[in-house]
Amino acid sequence: MSLADTVTVCSSQESARSREEALEVILKCSESATELLKRKKVKKEHLVMYLADKHFFNTTSYDGSRTTKATLVRQVLDFWETQPAVGDTTQVPADHETTT
């Protein structure tokens, strides 16, 4: 919720009382994914944990002192580009049977 408190792009000040409302405020008030990920509250460690959780990042080769936040932001954006859009039903897994 503290990240939602930092979003000041909206014309009217929005307040969030729950996690879901906070996510809505963050998404509504952020100009871009890059702008959101570059915020001070989003730490390098958060990006590393997210990428590792999604199996898109090798934590054994991670060098925190040499890896920049900008590099991690680019990797998150690259990962998101590989994912189908929310609600996109055009990509059906190979093992998923469709009924016609």
PDB file of N, CA and C in Angstrom:
ATOM      1  N   MET A   1       0.820  -1.189   0.000  1.00  0.00           N
ATOM      2  CA  MET A   1       0.000   0.000   0.000  1.00  0.00           C
ATOM      3  C   MET A   1       0.867   1.256   0.000  1.00  0.00           C
ATOM      4  N   SER A   2       2.096   1.175   0.493  1.00  0.00           N
ATOM      5  CA  SER A   2       2.929   2.374   0.503  1.00  0.00           C
ATOM      6  C   SER A   2       3.273   2.831  -0.905  1.00  0.00           C
ATOM      7  N   LEU A   3       3.361   1.908  -1.851  1.00  0.00           N
ATOM      8  CA  LEU A   3       3.604   2.309  -3.238  1.00  0.00           C
ATOM      9  C   LEU A   3       2.420   3.097  -3.772  1.00  0.00           C
ATOM     10  N   ALA A   4       1.219   2.706  -3.403  1.00  0.00           N
ATOM     11  CA  ALA A   4       0.027   3.439  -3.840  1.00  0.00           C
ATOM     12  C   ALA A   4       0.049   4.868  -3.318  1.00  0.00           C
ATOM     13  N   ASP A   5       0.609   5.074  -2.140  1.00  0.00           N
ATOM     14  CA  ASP A   5       0.681   6.415  -1.563  1.00  0.00           C
ATOM     15  C   ASP A   5       1.626   7.323  -2.343  1.00  0.00           C
ATOM     16  N   THR A   6       2.562   6.753  -3.104  1.00  0.00           N
ATOM     17  CA  THR A   6       3.537   7.569  -3.829  1.00  0.00           C
ATOM     18  C   THR A   6       3.064   7.961  -5.214  1.00  0.00           C
ATOM     19  N   VAL A   7       2.010   7.360  -5.693  1.00  0.00           N
ATOM     20  CA  VAL A   7       1.523   7.657  -7.041  1.00  0.00           C
ATOM     21  C   VAL A   7       0.780   8.986  -6.991  1.00  0.00           C
ATOM     22  N   THR A   8       1.359   9.997  -7.633  1.00  0.00           N
ATOM     23  CA  THR A   8       0.780  11.337  -7.575  1.00  0.00           C
ATOM     24  C   THR A   8       0.414  11.862  -8.949  1.00  0.00           C
ATOM     25  N   VAL A   9       0.415  11.003  -9.959  1.00  0.00           N
ATOM     26  CA  VAL A   9       0.135  11.416 -11.323  1.00  0.00           C
ATOM     27  C   VAL A   9      -1.336  11.739 -11.524  1.00  0.00           C
ATOM     28  N   CYS A  10      -2.222  11.103 -10.770  1.00  0.00           N
ATOM     29  CA  CYS A  10      -3.668  11.298 -10.938  1.00  0.00           C
ATOM     30  C   CYS A  10      -4.060  12.741 -10.643  1.00  0.00           C
ATOM     31  N   SER A  11      -5.058  13.192 -11.360  1.00  0.00           N
ATOM     32  CA  SER A  11      -5.525  14.555 -11.151  1.00  0.00           C
ATOM     33  C   SER A  11      -6.195  14.722  -9.788  1.00  0.00           C
ATOM     34  N   SER A  12      -6.885  13.697  -9.342  1.00  0.00           N
ATOM     35  CA  SER A  12      -7.487  13.755  -8.004  1.00  0.00           C
ATOM     36  C   SER A  12      -6.816  12.715  -7.125  1.00  0.00           C
ATOM     37  N   GLN A  13      -6.622  13.063  -5.891  1.00  0.00           N
ATOM     38  CA  GLN A  13      -5.960  12.163  -4.968  1.00  0.00           C
ATOM     39  C   GLN A  13      -6.865  10.977  -4.653  1.00  0.00           C
ATOM     40  N   GLU A  14      -6.398   9.789  -4.960  1.00  0.00           N
ATOM     41  CA  GLU A  14      -7.143   8.556  -4.711  1.00  0.00           C
ATOM     42  C   GLU A  14      -6.612   7.953  -3.415  1.00  0.00           C
ATOM     43  N   SER A  15      -7.477   7.309  -2.656  1.00  0.00           N
ATOM     44  CA  SER A  15      -7.007   6.617  -1.459  1.00  0.00           C
ATOM     45  C   SER A  15      -7.423   5.163  -1.544  1.00  0.00           C
ATOM     46  N   ALA A  16      -6.580   4.315  -1.005  1.00  0.00           N
ATOM     47  CA  ALA A  16      -6.837   2.873  -1.054  1.00  0.00           C
ATOM     48  C   ALA A  16      -6.978   2.349   0.368  1.00  0.00           C
ATOM     49  N   ARG A  17      -8.008   1.546   0.562  1.00  0.00           N
ATOM     50  CA  ARG A  17      -8.239   0.959   1.872  1.00  0.00           C
ATOM     51  C   ARG A  17      -7.920  -0.528   1.900  1.00  0.00           C
ATOM     52  N   SER A  18      -7.704  -1.127   0.747  1.00  0.00           N
ATOM     53  CA  SER A  18      -7.374  -2.548   0.687  1.00  0.00           C
ATOM     54  C   SER A  18      -6.282  -2.762  -0.347  1.00  0.00           C
ATOM     55  N   ARG A  19      -5.750  -3.954  -0.368  1.00  0.00           N
ATOM     56  CA  ARG A  19      -4.700  -4.272  -1.336  1.00  0.00           C
ATOM     57  C   ARG A  19      -5.229  -4.142  -2.764  1.00  0.00           C
ATOM     58  N   GLU A  20      -6.445  -4.616  -2.994  1.00  0.00           N
ATOM     59  CA  GLU A  20      -7.043  -4.549  -4.327  1.00  0.00           C
ATOM     60  C   GLU A  20      -7.222  -3.100  -4.772  1.00  0.00           C
ATOM     61  N   GLU A  21      -7.686  -2.251  -3.863  1.00  0.00           N
ATOM     62  CA  GLU A  21      -7.842  -0.832  -4.186  1.00  0.00           C
ATOM     63  C   GLU A  21      -6.489  -0.185  -4.444  1.00  0.00           C
ATOM     64  N   ALA A  22      -5.482  -0.583  -3.677  1.00  0.00           N
ATOM     65  CA  ALA A  22      -4.137  -0.045  -3.869  1.00  0.00           C
ATOM     66  C   ALA A  22      -3.611  -0.410  -5.257  1.00  0.00           C
ATOM     67  N   LEU A  23      -3.825  -1.651  -5.678  1.00  0.00           N
ATOM     68  CA  LEU A  23      -3.398  -2.071  -7.009  1.00  0.00           C
ATOM     69  C   LEU A  23      -4.100  -1.264  -8.092  1.00  0.00           C
ATOM     70  N   GLU A  24      -5.399  -1.026  -7.907  1.00  0.00           N
ATOM     71  CA  GLU A  24      -6.157  -0.225  -8.876  1.00  0.00           C
ATOM     72  C   GLU A  24      -5.604   1.190  -8.974  1.00  0.00           C
ATOM     73  N   VAL A  25      -5.310   1.811  -7.833  1.00  0.00           N
ATOM     74  CA  VAL A  25      -4.777   3.170  -7.816  1.00  0.00           C
ATOM     75  C   VAL A  25      -3.420   3.202  -8.509  1.00  0.00           C
ATOM     76  N   ILE A  26      -2.567   2.241  -8.196  1.00  0.00           N
ATOM     77  CA  ILE A  26      -1.233   2.192  -8.792  1.00  0.00           C
ATOM     78  C   ILE A  26      -1.335   2.070 -10.308  1.00  0.00           C
ATOM     79  N   LEU A  27      -2.154   1.138 -10.781  1.00  0.00           N
ATOM     80  CA  LEU A  27      -2.274   0.918 -12.224  1.00  0.00           C
ATOM     81  C   LEU A  27      -2.941   2.091 -12.928  1.00  0.00           C
ATOM     82  N   LYS A  28      -3.952   2.668 -12.296  1.00  0.00           N
ATOM     83  CA  LYS A  28      -4.678   3.785 -12.891  1.00  0.00           C
ATOM     84  C   LYS A  28      -3.799   5.033 -13.000  1.00  0.00           C
ATOM     85  N   CYS A  29      -2.959   5.229 -12.011  1.00  0.00           N
ATOM     86  CA  CYS A  29      -2.210   6.477 -11.920  1.00  0.00           C
ATOM     87  C   CYS A  29      -0.790   6.400 -12.467  1.00  0.00           C
ATOM     88  N   SER A  30      -0.352   5.244 -12.881  1.00  0.00           N
ATOM     89  CA  SER A  30       0.995   5.117 -13.437  1.00  0.00           C
ATOM     90  C   SER A  30       0.956   5.385 -14.938  1.00  0.00           C
ATOM     91  N   GLU A  31       1.903   6.169 -15.405  1.00  0.00           N
ATOM     92  CA  GLU A  31       1.949   6.509 -16.818  1.00  0.00           C
ATOM     93  C   GLU A  31       2.392   5.336 -17.677  1.00  0.00           C
ATOM     94  N   SER A  32       3.276   4.483 -17.132  1.00  0.00           N
ATOM     95  CA  SER A  32       3.767   3.332 -17.880  1.00  0.00           C
ATOM     96  C   SER A  32       4.309   2.296 -16.908  1.00  0.00           C
ATOM     97  N   ALA A  33       4.512   1.097 -17.423  1.00  0.00           N
ATOM     98  CA  ALA A  33       5.092   0.037 -16.597  1.00  0.00           C
ATOM     99  C   ALA A  33       6.513   0.408 -16.188  1.00  0.00           C
ATOM    100  N   THR A  34       7.249   1.008 -17.113  1.00  0.00           N
ATOM    101  CA  THR A  34       8.627   1.412 -16.820  1.00  0.00           C
ATOM    102  C   THR A  34       8.649   2.435 -15.697  1.00  0.00           C
ATOM    103  N   GLU A  35       7.775   3.426 -15.782  1.00  0.00           N
ATOM    104  CA  GLU A  35       7.708   4.466 -14.746  1.00  0.00           C
ATOM    105  C   GLU A  35       7.382   3.841 -13.390  1.00  0.00           C
ATOM    106  N   LEU A  36       6.480   2.894 -13.363  1.00  0.00           N
ATOM    107  CA  LEU A  36       6.101   2.231 -12.116  1.00  0.00           C
ATOM    108  C   LEU A  36       7.275   1.449 -11.537  1.00  0.00           C
ATOM    109  N   LEU A  37       7.942   0.663 -12.366  1.00  0.00           N
ATOM    110  CA  LEU A  37       9.036  -0.182 -11.885  1.00  0.00           C
ATOM    111  C   LEU A  37      10.257   0.626 -11.449  1.00  0.00           C
ATOM    112  N   LYS A  38      10.414   1.840 -11.966  1.00  0.00           N
ATOM    113  CA  LYS A  38      11.566   2.672 -11.600  1.00  0.00           C
ATOM    114  C   LYS A  38      11.362   3.442 -10.304  1.00  0.00           C
ATOM    115  N   ARG A  39      10.190   3.351  -9.719  1.00  0.00           N
ATOM    116  CA  ARG A  39       9.936   4.073  -8.466  1.00  0.00           C
ATOM    117  C   ARG A  39      10.883   3.609  -7.358  1.00  0.00           C
ATOM    118  N   LYS A  40      11.223   4.528  -6.453  1.00  0.00           N
ATOM    119  CA  LYS A  40      12.146   4.220  -5.359  1.00  0.00           C
ATOM    120  C   LYS A  40      11.651   3.080  -4.475  1.00  0.00           C
ATOM    121  N   LYS A  41      10.348   2.985  -4.289  1.00  0.00           N
ATOM    122  CA  LYS A  41       9.794   1.941  -3.419  1.00  0.00           C
ATOM    123  C   LYS A  41       9.955   0.542  -4.018  1.00  0.00           C
ATOM    124  N   VAL A  42      10.168   0.462  -5.328  1.00  0.00           N
ATOM    125  CA  VAL A  42      10.399  -0.829  -5.969  1.00  0.00           C
ATOM    126  C   VAL A  42      11.912  -1.036  -5.979  1.00  0.00           C
ATOM    127  N   LYS A  43      12.379  -1.887  -5.092  1.00  0.00           N
ATOM    128  CA  LYS A  43      13.816  -2.115  -4.913  1.00  0.00           C
ATOM    129  C   LYS A  43      14.332  -3.179  -5.879  1.00  0.00           C
ATOM    130  N   LYS A  44      15.642  -3.153  -6.117  1.00  0.00           N
ATOM    131  CA  LYS A  44      16.277  -4.171  -6.953  1.00  0.00           C
ATOM    132  C   LYS A  44      15.946  -5.572  -6.441  1.00  0.00           C
ATOM    133  N   GLU A  45      15.955  -5.721  -5.126  1.00  0.00           N
ATOM    134  CA  GLU A  45      15.694  -7.020  -4.523  1.00  0.00           C
ATOM    135  C   GLU A  45      14.284  -7.515  -4.857  1.00  0.00           C
ATOM    136  N   HIS A  46      13.315  -6.588  -4.928  1.00  0.00           N
ATOM    137  CA  HIS A  46      11.943  -6.962  -5.294  1.00  0.00           C
ATOM    138  C   HIS A  46      11.905  -7.501  -6.719  1.00  0.00           C
ATOM    139  N   LEU A  47      12.618  -6.831  -7.612  1.00  0.00           N
ATOM    140  CA  LEU A  47      12.638  -7.244  -9.014  1.00  0.00           C
ATOM    141  C   LEU A  47      13.320  -8.602  -9.173  1.00  0.00           C
ATOM    142  N   VAL A  48      14.416  -8.809  -8.441  1.00  0.00           N
ATOM    143  CA  VAL A  48      15.125 -10.099  -8.488  1.00  0.00           C
ATOM    144  C   VAL A  48      14.213 -11.215  -7.982  1.00  0.00           C
ATOM    145  N   MET A  49      13.547 -10.979  -6.847  1.00  0.00           N
ATOM    146  CA  MET A  49      12.653 -12.000  -6.285  1.00  0.00           C
ATOM    147  C   MET A  49      11.505 -12.305  -7.248  1.00  0.00           C
ATOM    148  N   TYR A  50      10.946 -11.279  -7.880  1.00  0.00           N
ATOM    149  CA  TYR A  50       9.853 -11.472  -8.827  1.00  0.00           C
ATOM    150  C   TYR A  50      10.314 -12.317 -10.008  1.00  0.00           C
ATOM    151  N   LEU A  51      11.448 -11.954 -10.596  1.00  0.00           N
ATOM    152  CA  LEU A  51      11.959 -12.686 -11.752  1.00  0.00           C
ATOM    153  C   LEU A  51      12.324 -14.123 -11.393  1.00  0.00           C
ATOM    154  N   ALA A  52      12.899 -14.317 -10.218  1.00  0.00           N
ATOM    155  CA  ALA A  52      13.253 -15.673  -9.774  1.00  0.00           C
ATOM    156  C   ALA A  52      11.991 -16.501  -9.550  1.00  0.00           C
ATOM    157  N   ASP A  53      10.970 -15.885  -8.974  1.00  0.00           N
ATOM    158  CA  ASP A  53       9.698 -16.576  -8.734  1.00  0.00           C
ATOM    159  C   ASP A  53       9.057 -17.017 -10.042  1.00  0.00           C
ATOM    160  N   LYS A  54       9.247 -16.230 -11.093  1.00  0.00           N
ATOM    161  CA  LYS A  54       8.669 -16.543 -12.406  1.00  0.00           C
ATOM    162  C   LYS A  54       9.602 -17.421 -13.241  1.00  0.00           C
ATOM    163  N   HIS A  55      10.729 -17.847 -12.643  1.00  0.00           N
ATOM    164  CA  HIS A  55      11.719 -18.692 -13.317  1.00  0.00           C
ATOM    165  C   HIS A  55      12.264 -18.015 -14.579  1.00  0.00           C
ATOM    166  N   PHE A  56      12.413 -16.712 -14.514  1.00  0.00           N
ATOM    167  CA  PHE A  56      12.897 -15.930 -15.640  1.00  0.00           C
ATOM    168  C   PHE A  56      14.270 -15.331 -15.323  1.00  0.00           C
ATOM    169  N   PHE A  57      14.837 -15.747 -14.203  1.00  0.00           N
ATOM    170  CA  PHE A  57      16.068 -15.123 -13.729  1.00  0.00           C
ATOM    171  C   PHE A  57      16.886 -16.166 -12.988  1.00  0.00           C
ATOM    172  N   ASN A  58      18.164 -16.209 -13.255  1.00  0.00           N
ATOM    173  CA  ASN A  58      19.061 -17.136 -12.581  1.00  0.00           C
ATOM    174  C   ASN A  58      19.707 -16.420 -11.403  1.00  0.00           C
ATOM    175  N   THR A  59      19.249 -16.714 -10.202  1.00  0.00           N
ATOM    176  CA  THR A  59      19.765 -16.014  -9.022  1.00  0.00           C
ATOM    177  C   THR A  59      21.200 -16.399  -8.706  1.00  0.00           C
ATOM    178  N   THR A  60      21.662 -17.557  -9.170  1.00  0.00           N
ATOM    179  CA  THR A  60      23.043 -17.946  -8.882  1.00  0.00           C
ATOM    180  C   THR A  60      24.035 -17.060  -9.628  1.00  0.00           C
ATOM    181  N   SER A  61      23.632 -16.492 -10.762  1.00  0.00           N
ATOM    182  CA  SER A  61      24.533 -15.614 -11.514  1.00  0.00           C
ATOM    183  C   SER A  61      24.310 -14.136 -11.182  1.00  0.00           C
ATOM    184  N   TYR A  62      23.415 -13.842 -10.263  1.00  0.00           N
ATOM    185  CA  TYR A  62      23.096 -12.463  -9.906  1.00  0.00           C
ATOM    186  C   TYR A  62      24.200 -11.868  -9.044  1.00  0.00           C
ATOM    187  N   ASP A  63      24.695 -10.723  -9.440  1.00  0.00           N
ATOM    188  CA  ASP A  63      25.682  -9.978  -8.672  1.00  0.00           C
ATOM    189  C   ASP A  63      25.061  -8.632  -8.345  1.00  0.00           C
ATOM    190  N   GLY A  64      24.548  -8.495  -7.143  1.00  0.00           N
ATOM    191  CA  GLY A  64      23.824  -7.301  -6.734  1.00  0.00           C
ATOM    192  C   GLY A  64      24.609  -6.013  -6.882  1.00  0.00           C
ATOM    193  N   SER A  65      25.905  -6.081  -6.764  1.00  0.00           N
ATOM    194  CA  SER A  65      26.703  -4.857  -6.869  1.00  0.00           C
ATOM    195  C   SER A  65      26.926  -4.446  -8.326  1.00  0.00           C
ATOM    196  N   ARG A  66      26.774  -5.375  -9.267  1.00  0.00           N
ATOM    197  CA  ARG A  66      27.017  -5.057 -10.676  1.00  0.00           C
ATOM    198  C   ARG A  66      25.747  -4.962 -11.504  1.00  0.00           C
ATOM    199  N   THR A  67      24.677  -5.565 -11.036  1.00  0.00           N
ATOM    200  CA  THR A  67      23.420  -5.530 -11.777  1.00  0.00           C
ATOM    201  C   THR A  67      22.671  -4.257 -11.413  1.00  0.00           C
ATOM    202  N   THR A  68      22.343  -3.459 -12.418  1.00  0.00           N
ATOM    203  CA  THR A  68      21.647  -2.200 -12.154  1.00  0.00           C
ATOM    204  C   THR A  68      20.140  -2.428 -12.098  1.00  0.00           C
ATOM    205  N   LYS A  69      19.465  -1.505 -11.449  1.00  0.00           N
ATOM    206  CA  LYS A  69      18.010  -1.572 -11.401  1.00  0.00           C
ATOM    207  C   LYS A  69      17.438  -1.440 -12.803  1.00  0.00           C
ATOM    208  N   ALA A  70      18.035  -0.608 -13.635  1.00  0.00           N
ATOM    209  CA  ALA A  70      17.555  -0.435 -15.010  1.00  0.00           C
ATOM    210  C   ALA A  70      17.608  -1.753 -15.776  1.00  0.00           C
ATOM    211  N   THR A  71      18.645  -2.547 -15.558  1.00  0.00           N
ATOM    212  CA  THR A  71      18.754  -3.859 -16.204  1.00  0.00           C
ATOM    213  C   THR A  71      17.632  -4.776 -15.740  1.00  0.00           C
ATOM    214  N   LEU A  72      17.358  -4.760 -14.447  1.00  0.00           N
ATOM    215  CA  LEU A  72      16.297  -5.605 -13.901  1.00  0.00           C
ATOM    216  C   LEU A  72      14.919  -5.162 -14.402  1.00  0.00           C
ATOM    217  N   VAL A  73      14.707  -3.855 -14.482  1.00  0.00           N
ATOM    218  CA  VAL A  73      13.444  -3.331 -15.017  1.00  0.00           C
ATOM    219  C   VAL A  73      13.257  -3.832 -16.441  1.00  0.00           C
ATOM    220  N   ARG A  74      14.318  -3.774 -17.251  1.00  0.00           N
ATOM    221  CA  ARG A  74      14.244  -4.246 -18.643  1.00  0.00           C
ATOM    222  C   ARG A  74      13.921  -5.742 -18.684  1.00  0.00           C
ATOM    223  N   GLN A  75      14.493  -6.514 -17.769  1.00  0.00           N
ATOM    224  CA  GLN A  75      14.226  -7.953 -17.728  1.00  0.00           C
ATOM    225  C   GLN A  75      12.772  -8.232 -17.346  1.00  0.00           C
ATOM    226  N   VAL A  76      12.225  -7.466 -16.419  1.00  0.00           N
ATOM    227  CA  VAL A  76      10.810  -7.629 -16.059  1.00  0.00           C
ATOM    228  C   VAL A  76       9.931  -7.303 -17.261  1.00  0.00           C
ATOM    229  N   LEU A  77      10.237  -6.201 -17.933  1.00  0.00           N
ATOM    230  CA  LEU A  77       9.453  -5.819 -19.113  1.00  0.00           C
ATOM    231  C   LEU A  77       9.579  -6.877 -20.213  1.00  0.00           C
ATOM    232  N   ASP A  78      10.774  -7.431 -20.403  1.00  0.00           N
ATOM    233  CA  ASP A  78      10.965  -8.506 -21.381  1.00  0.00           C
ATOM    234  C   ASP A  78      10.130  -9.727 -21.000  1.00  0.00           C
ATOM    235  N   PHE A  79      10.099 -10.063 -19.717  1.00  0.00           N
ATOM    236  CA  PHE A  79       9.294 -11.198 -19.256  1.00  0.00           C
ATOM    237  C   PHE A  79       7.822 -10.948 -19.539  1.00  0.00           C
ATOM    238  N   TRP A  80       7.339  -9.744 -19.210  1.00  0.00           N
ATOM    239  CA  TRP A  80       5.932  -9.425 -19.439  1.00  0.00           C
ATOM    240  C   TRP A  80       5.568  -9.506 -20.912  1.00  0.00           C
ATOM    241  N   GLU A  81       6.503  -9.149 -21.783  1.00  0.00           N
ATOM    242  CA  GLU A  81       6.240  -9.222 -23.219  1.00  0.00           C
ATOM    243  C   GLU A  81       6.060 -10.659 -23.697  1.00  0.00           C
ATOM    244  N   THR A  82       6.619 -11.620 -22.974  1.00  0.00           N
ATOM    245  CA  THR A  82       6.489 -13.024 -23.368  1.00  0.00           C
ATOM    246  C   THR A  82       5.179 -13.640 -22.886  1.00  0.00           C
ATOM    247  N   GLN A  83       4.455 -12.927 -22.036  1.00  0.00           N
ATOM    248  CA  GLN A  83       3.225 -13.452 -21.449  1.00  0.00           C
ATOM    249  C   GLN A  83       2.008 -13.039 -22.272  1.00  0.00           C
ATOM    250  N   PRO A  84       1.017 -13.941 -22.374  1.00  0.00           N
ATOM    251  CA  PRO A  84      -0.215 -13.550 -23.083  1.00  0.00           C
ATOM    252  C   PRO A  84      -0.936 -12.456 -22.312  1.00  0.00           C
ATOM    253  N   ALA A  85      -1.654 -11.627 -23.031  1.00  0.00           N
ATOM    254  CA  ALA A  85      -2.409 -10.547 -22.397  1.00  0.00           C
ATOM    255  C   ALA A  85      -3.488 -11.134 -21.496  1.00  0.00           C
ATOM    256  N   VAL A  86      -3.827 -10.422 -20.452  1.00  0.00           N
ATOM    257  CA  VAL A  86      -4.886 -10.855 -19.547  1.00  0.00           C
ATOM    258  C   VAL A  86      -6.181 -10.977 -20.332  1.00  0.00           C
ATOM    259  N   GLY A  87      -6.829 -12.108 -20.215  1.00  0.00           N
ATOM    260  CA  GLY A  87      -8.079 -12.323 -20.929  1.00  0.00           C
ATOM    261  C   GLY A  87      -7.882 -12.806 -22.349  1.00  0.00           C
ATOM    262  N   ASP A  88      -6.627 -12.972 -22.779  1.00  0.00           N
ATOM    263  CA  ASP A  88      -6.339 -13.438 -24.137  1.00  0.00           C
ATOM    264  C   ASP A  88      -6.576 -14.945 -24.199  1.00  0.00           C
ATOM    265  N   THR A  89      -7.530 -15.355 -24.984  1.00  0.00           N
ATOM    266  CA  THR A  89      -7.855 -16.777 -25.092  1.00  0.00           C
ATOM    267  C   THR A  89      -7.359 -17.368 -26.406  1.00  0.00           C
ATOM    268  N   THR A  90      -6.557 -16.607 -27.140  1.00  0.00           N
ATOM    269  CA  THR A  90      -6.091 -17.111 -28.428  1.00  0.00           C
ATOM    270  C   THR A  90      -4.980 -18.138 -28.273  1.00  0.00           C
ATOM    271  N   GLN A  91      -4.262 -18.104 -27.153  1.00  0.00           N
ATOM    272  CA  GLN A  91      -3.202 -19.068 -26.925  1.00  0.00           C
ATOM    273  C   GLN A  91      -3.708 -20.152 -25.997  1.00  0.00           C
ATOM    274  N   VAL A  92      -3.920 -21.328 -26.538  1.00  0.00           N
ATOM    275  CA  VAL A  92      -4.408 -22.458 -25.762  1.00  0.00           C
ATOM    276  C   VAL A  92      -3.242 -23.412 -25.560  1.00  0.00           C
ATOM    277  N   PRO A  93      -2.963 -23.848 -24.330  1.00  0.00           N
ATOM    278  CA  PRO A  93      -1.864 -24.777 -24.103  1.00  0.00           C
ATOM    279  C   PRO A  93      -2.036 -26.037 -24.942  1.00  0.00           C
ATOM    280  N   ALA A  94      -0.922 -26.642 -25.351  1.00  0.00           N
ATOM    281  CA  ALA A  94      -0.947 -27.808 -26.227  1.00  0.00           C
ATOM    282  C   ALA A  94      -1.716 -28.975 -25.611  1.00  0.00           C
ATOM    283  N   ASP A  95      -1.663 -29.116 -24.294  1.00  0.00           N
ATOM    284  CA  ASP A  95      -2.335 -30.244 -23.656  1.00  0.00           C
ATOM    285  C   ASP A  95      -3.790 -29.930 -23.315  1.00  0.00           C
ATOM    286  N   HIS A  96      -4.269 -28.761 -23.696  1.00  0.00           N
ATOM    287  CA  HIS A  96      -5.644 -28.353 -23.415  1.00  0.00           C
ATOM    288  C   HIS A  96      -6.536 -28.736 -24.586  1.00  0.00           C
ATOM    289  N   GLU A  97      -7.534 -29.529 -24.322  1.00  0.00           N
ATOM    290  CA  GLU A  97      -8.442 -29.928 -25.389  1.00  0.00           C
ATOM    291  C   GLU A  97      -9.577 -28.924 -25.505  1.00  0.00           C
ATOM    292  N   THR A  98      -9.897 -28.567 -26.734  1.00  0.00           N
ATOM    293  CA  THR A  98     -11.015 -27.655 -26.953  1.00  0.00           C
ATOM    294  C   THR A  98     -12.191 -28.431 -27.497  1.00  0.00           C
ATOM    295  N   THR A  99     -13.385 -27.986 -27.174  1.00  0.00           N
ATOM    296  CA  THR A  99     -14.581 -28.636 -27.691  1.00  0.00           C
ATOM    297  C   THR A  99     -15.130 -27.782 -28.803  1.00  0.00           C
ATOM    298  N   THR A 100     -15.495 -28.422 -29.898  1.00  0.00           N
ATOM    299  CA  THR A 100     -16.039 -27.667 -31.037  1.00  0.00           C
ATOM    300  C   THR A 100     -17.422 -28.128 -31.375  1.00  0.00           C
TER     301      THR A 100
END
